[in-house]
């Protein structure tokens, strides 16, 4: 009984991983944007070198 349960969990994990990888490849075709928002940040740096 425990062996069947372990197999079921392994199969579900494999299917979930395959689904996630498939979604990451097919997602942009359906308008999903996975890129991080880009914004320029300028900050002054003071160096205390003598």
N, C-alpha and C. Protein backbone atom coordinates (compact mmCIF):
# COMPACT_ATOMS: atom_id res chain seq x y z
N UNK A 1 0.82 -1.20 0.00
CA UNK A 1 0.00 0.00 0.00
C UNK A 1 0.86 1.26 0.00
N UNK A 2 1.92 1.30 0.83
CA UNK A 2 2.78 2.48 0.88
C UNK A 2 3.55 2.65 -0.41
N UNK A 3 3.91 1.55 -1.06
CA UNK A 3 4.63 1.63 -2.34
C UNK A 3 3.78 2.30 -3.40
N UNK A 4 2.51 1.98 -3.43
CA UNK A 4 1.59 2.61 -4.40
C UNK A 4 1.45 4.10 -4.13
N UNK A 5 1.40 4.46 -2.86
CA UNK A 5 1.27 5.87 -2.48
C UNK A 5 2.52 6.65 -2.89
N UNK A 6 3.68 6.06 -2.68
CA UNK A 6 4.93 6.72 -3.07
C UNK A 6 4.99 6.87 -4.58
N UNK A 7 4.60 5.84 -5.32
CA UNK A 7 4.57 5.93 -6.78
C UNK A 7 3.62 7.02 -7.25
N UNK A 8 2.47 7.11 -6.62
CA UNK A 8 1.49 8.14 -6.98
C UNK A 8 2.05 9.53 -6.75
N UNK A 9 2.72 9.73 -5.63
CA UNK A 9 3.31 11.04 -5.34
C UNK A 9 4.41 11.37 -6.34
N UNK A 10 5.23 10.38 -6.70
CA UNK A 10 6.30 10.61 -7.68
C UNK A 10 5.69 10.95 -9.03
N UNK A 11 4.65 10.27 -9.45
CA UNK A 11 4.00 10.56 -10.73
C UNK A 11 3.40 11.96 -10.73
N UNK A 12 2.77 12.34 -9.63
CA UNK A 12 2.16 13.68 -9.55
C UNK A 12 3.24 14.75 -9.60
N UNK A 13 4.36 14.53 -8.91
CA UNK A 13 5.47 15.49 -8.95
C UNK A 13 6.05 15.61 -10.36
N UNK A 14 6.21 14.49 -11.05
CA UNK A 14 6.73 14.52 -12.42
C UNK A 14 5.77 15.26 -13.35
N UNK A 15 4.49 14.98 -13.24
CA UNK A 15 3.51 15.67 -14.09
C UNK A 15 3.47 17.17 -13.78
N UNK A 16 3.58 17.52 -12.52
CA UNK A 16 3.61 18.93 -12.16
C UNK A 16 4.83 19.64 -12.71
N UNK A 17 5.99 18.99 -12.66
CA UNK A 17 7.21 19.58 -13.20
C UNK A 17 7.10 19.74 -14.71
N UNK A 18 6.60 18.73 -15.39
CA UNK A 18 6.42 18.81 -16.85
C UNK A 18 5.43 19.91 -17.20
N UNK A 19 4.36 20.04 -16.43
CA UNK A 19 3.38 21.09 -16.67
C UNK A 19 3.96 22.48 -16.45
N UNK A 20 4.78 22.64 -15.42
CA UNK A 20 5.41 23.93 -15.15
C UNK A 20 6.39 24.32 -16.25
N UNK A 21 7.18 23.37 -16.70
CA UNK A 21 8.13 23.65 -17.78
C UNK A 21 7.37 23.97 -19.07
N UNK A 22 6.32 23.23 -19.34
CA UNK A 22 5.51 23.50 -20.53
C UNK A 22 4.86 24.87 -20.47
N UNK A 23 4.38 25.26 -19.32
CA UNK A 23 3.75 26.58 -19.17
C UNK A 23 4.78 27.69 -19.37
N UNK A 24 6.01 27.47 -18.91
CA UNK A 24 7.03 28.50 -19.07
C UNK A 24 7.41 28.67 -20.55
N UNK A 25 7.31 27.62 -21.35
CA UNK A 25 7.61 27.74 -22.77
C UNK A 25 6.42 28.26 -23.57
N UNK A 26 5.22 27.86 -23.23
CA UNK A 26 4.03 28.19 -24.01
C UNK A 26 3.38 29.49 -23.52
N UNK A 27 3.64 29.90 -22.29
CA UNK A 27 3.01 31.07 -21.69
C UNK A 27 3.13 32.34 -22.51
N UNK A 28 4.33 32.69 -23.04
CA UNK A 28 4.44 33.93 -23.81
C UNK A 28 3.56 33.97 -25.06
N UNK A 29 3.20 32.84 -25.61
CA UNK A 29 2.31 32.82 -26.78
C UNK A 29 0.89 33.23 -26.42
N UNK A 30 0.55 33.12 -25.13
CA UNK A 30 -0.78 33.49 -24.67
C UNK A 30 -0.80 34.83 -23.94
N UNK A 31 0.29 35.59 -24.04
CA UNK A 31 0.33 36.93 -23.47
C UNK A 31 0.85 37.01 -22.05
N UNK A 32 1.42 35.95 -21.54
CA UNK A 32 1.98 35.98 -20.18
C UNK A 32 3.41 36.50 -20.27
N UNK A 33 3.73 37.52 -19.47
CA UNK A 33 5.07 38.12 -19.50
C UNK A 33 5.82 37.73 -18.24
N UNK A 34 6.92 37.00 -18.41
CA UNK A 34 7.70 36.53 -17.28
C UNK A 34 8.91 37.41 -16.99
N UNK A 35 9.12 38.46 -17.77
CA UNK A 35 10.31 39.28 -17.58
C UNK A 35 10.14 40.20 -16.37
N UNK A 36 11.26 40.50 -15.74
CA UNK A 36 11.25 41.38 -14.57
C UNK A 36 11.09 42.83 -15.04
N UNK A 37 10.39 43.66 -14.27
CA UNK A 37 10.27 45.07 -14.65
C UNK A 37 11.64 45.75 -14.56
N UNK A 38 11.96 46.53 -15.59
CA UNK A 38 13.26 47.19 -15.65
C UNK A 38 13.10 48.66 -15.34
N UNK A 39 13.99 49.17 -14.49
CA UNK A 39 13.94 50.56 -14.09
C UNK A 39 15.37 51.00 -13.78
N UNK A 40 15.76 52.15 -14.31
CA UNK A 40 17.11 52.65 -14.06
C UNK A 40 17.13 53.36 -12.70
N UNK A 41 18.13 53.01 -11.91
CA UNK A 41 18.29 53.62 -10.58
C UNK A 41 19.67 54.25 -10.52
N UNK A 42 19.71 55.55 -10.22
CA UNK A 42 20.98 56.25 -10.06
C UNK A 42 21.09 56.70 -8.61
N UNK A 43 22.22 56.35 -8.02
CA UNK A 43 22.44 56.70 -6.62
C UNK A 43 23.88 57.15 -6.47
N UNK A 44 24.12 58.35 -5.89
CA UNK A 44 25.49 58.81 -5.73
C UNK A 44 26.26 57.98 -4.69
N UNK A 45 27.54 57.80 -4.98
CA UNK A 45 28.42 57.03 -4.10
C UNK A 45 29.54 57.95 -3.64
N UNK A 46 29.77 58.05 -2.34
CA UNK A 46 30.83 58.86 -1.78
C UNK A 46 31.95 57.93 -1.32
N UNK A 47 33.17 58.16 -1.86
CA UNK A 47 34.32 57.34 -1.49
C UNK A 47 35.20 58.14 -0.56
N UNK A 48 35.56 57.57 0.56
CA UNK A 48 36.43 58.24 1.54
C UNK A 48 37.85 57.73 1.40
N UNK A 49 38.49 58.06 0.29
CA UNK A 49 39.87 57.65 0.06
C UNK A 49 40.79 58.85 0.29
N UNK A 50 41.81 58.68 1.10
CA UNK A 50 42.75 59.79 1.37
C UNK A 50 44.00 59.63 0.58
